């Protein structure tokens, strides 16, 4: 019983971390594309990818 609870808590924590990281990456990419769209310096930032 205790082992299954630990596994469940660990999987829930991993799922939450994955969801947060994906959401942050999506927001960062969205803001980055908006910034690149406003400032016409896409050539300067293309070397970072």
C-alpha atoms as a PDB file:
ATOM      1  CA  UNK A   1       0.000   0.000   0.000  1.00  0.00           C
ATOM      2  CA  UNK A   2       2.717   2.429   0.971  1.00  0.00           C
ATOM      3  CA  UNK A   3       4.795   1.628  -2.100  1.00  0.00           C
ATOM      4  CA  UNK A   4       1.884   2.157  -4.490  1.00  0.00           C
ATOM      5  CA  UNK A   5       1.115   5.517  -2.849  1.00  0.00           C
ATOM      6  CA  UNK A   6       4.735   6.590  -3.300  1.00  0.00           C
ATOM      7  CA  UNK A   7       4.697   5.578  -6.952  1.00  0.00           C
ATOM      8  CA  UNK A   8       1.414   7.414  -7.483  1.00  0.00           C
ATOM      9  CA  UNK A   9       2.715  10.561  -5.814  1.00  0.00           C
ATOM     10  CA  UNK A  10       5.933  10.385  -7.837  1.00  0.00           C
ATOM     11  CA  UNK A  11       4.060   9.935 -11.124  1.00  0.00           C
ATOM     12  CA  UNK A  12       1.743  12.821 -10.232  1.00  0.00           C
ATOM     13  CA  UNK A  13       4.731  15.031  -9.424  1.00  0.00           C
ATOM     14  CA  UNK A  14       6.478  14.063 -12.666  1.00  0.00           C
ATOM     15  CA  UNK A  15       3.298  14.738 -14.661  1.00  0.00           C
ATOM     16  CA  UNK A  16       2.913  18.153 -13.004  1.00  0.00           C
ATOM     17  CA  UNK A  17       6.544  19.071 -13.714  1.00  0.00           C
ATOM     18  CA  UNK A  18       6.227  17.980 -17.346  1.00  0.00           C
ATOM     19  CA  UNK A  19       3.021  20.000 -17.735  1.00  0.00           C
ATOM     20  CA  UNK A  20       4.612  23.094 -16.195  1.00  0.00           C
ATOM     21  CA  UNK A  21       7.723  22.829 -18.346  1.00  0.00           C
ATOM     22  CA  UNK A  22       5.675  22.379 -21.518  1.00  0.00           C
ATOM     23  CA  UNK A  23       3.477  25.347 -20.595  1.00  0.00           C
ATOM     24  CA  UNK A  24       6.486  27.537 -19.845  1.00  0.00           C
ATOM     25  CA  UNK A  25       8.164  26.546 -23.103  1.00  0.00           C
ATOM     26  CA  UNK A  26       4.954  27.353 -25.012  1.00  0.00           C
ATOM     27  CA  UNK A  27       4.609  30.766 -23.349  1.00  0.00           C
ATOM     28  CA  UNK A  28       8.307  31.537 -23.876  1.00  0.00           C
ATOM     29  CA  UNK A  29       8.116  30.576 -27.542  1.00  0.00           C
ATOM     30  CA  UNK A  30       4.963  32.655 -28.014  1.00  0.00           C
ATOM     31  CA  UNK A  31       6.498  35.731 -26.357  1.00  0.00           C
ATOM     32  CA  UNK A  32       9.745  35.194 -28.277  1.00  0.00           C
ATOM     33  CA  UNK A  33       7.958  35.075 -31.630  1.00  0.00           C
ATOM     34  CA  UNK A  34       5.960  38.207 -30.701  1.00  0.00           C
ATOM     35  CA  UNK A  35       9.165  40.036 -29.783  1.00  0.00           C
ATOM     36  CA  UNK A  36      10.847  38.887 -32.988  1.00  0.00           C
ATOM     37  CA  UNK A  37       7.820  39.995 -34.973  1.00  0.00           C
ATOM     38  CA  UNK A  38       7.951  43.495 -33.469  1.00  0.00           C
ATOM     39  CA  UNK A  39      11.702  43.980 -33.659  1.00  0.00           C
ATOM     40  CA  UNK A  40      12.898  43.140 -37.138  1.00  0.00           C
ATOM     41  CA  UNK A  41      16.053  41.457 -35.828  1.00  0.00           C
ATOM     42  CA  UNK A  42      15.230  37.823 -36.582  1.00  0.00           C
ATOM     43  CA  UNK A  43      18.623  37.363 -38.246  1.00  0.00           C
ATOM     44  CA  UNK A  44      20.435  38.303 -35.021  1.00  0.00           C
ATOM     45  CA  UNK A  45      18.573  35.706 -32.942  1.00  0.00           C
ATOM     46  CA  UNK A  46      18.619  32.914 -35.520  1.00  0.00           C
ATOM     47  CA  UNK A  47      22.130  31.931 -34.398  1.00  0.00           C
ATOM     48  CA  UNK A  48      20.885  31.131 -30.859  1.00  0.00           C
ATOM     49  CA  UNK A  49      18.644  28.250 -31.996  1.00  0.00           C
END
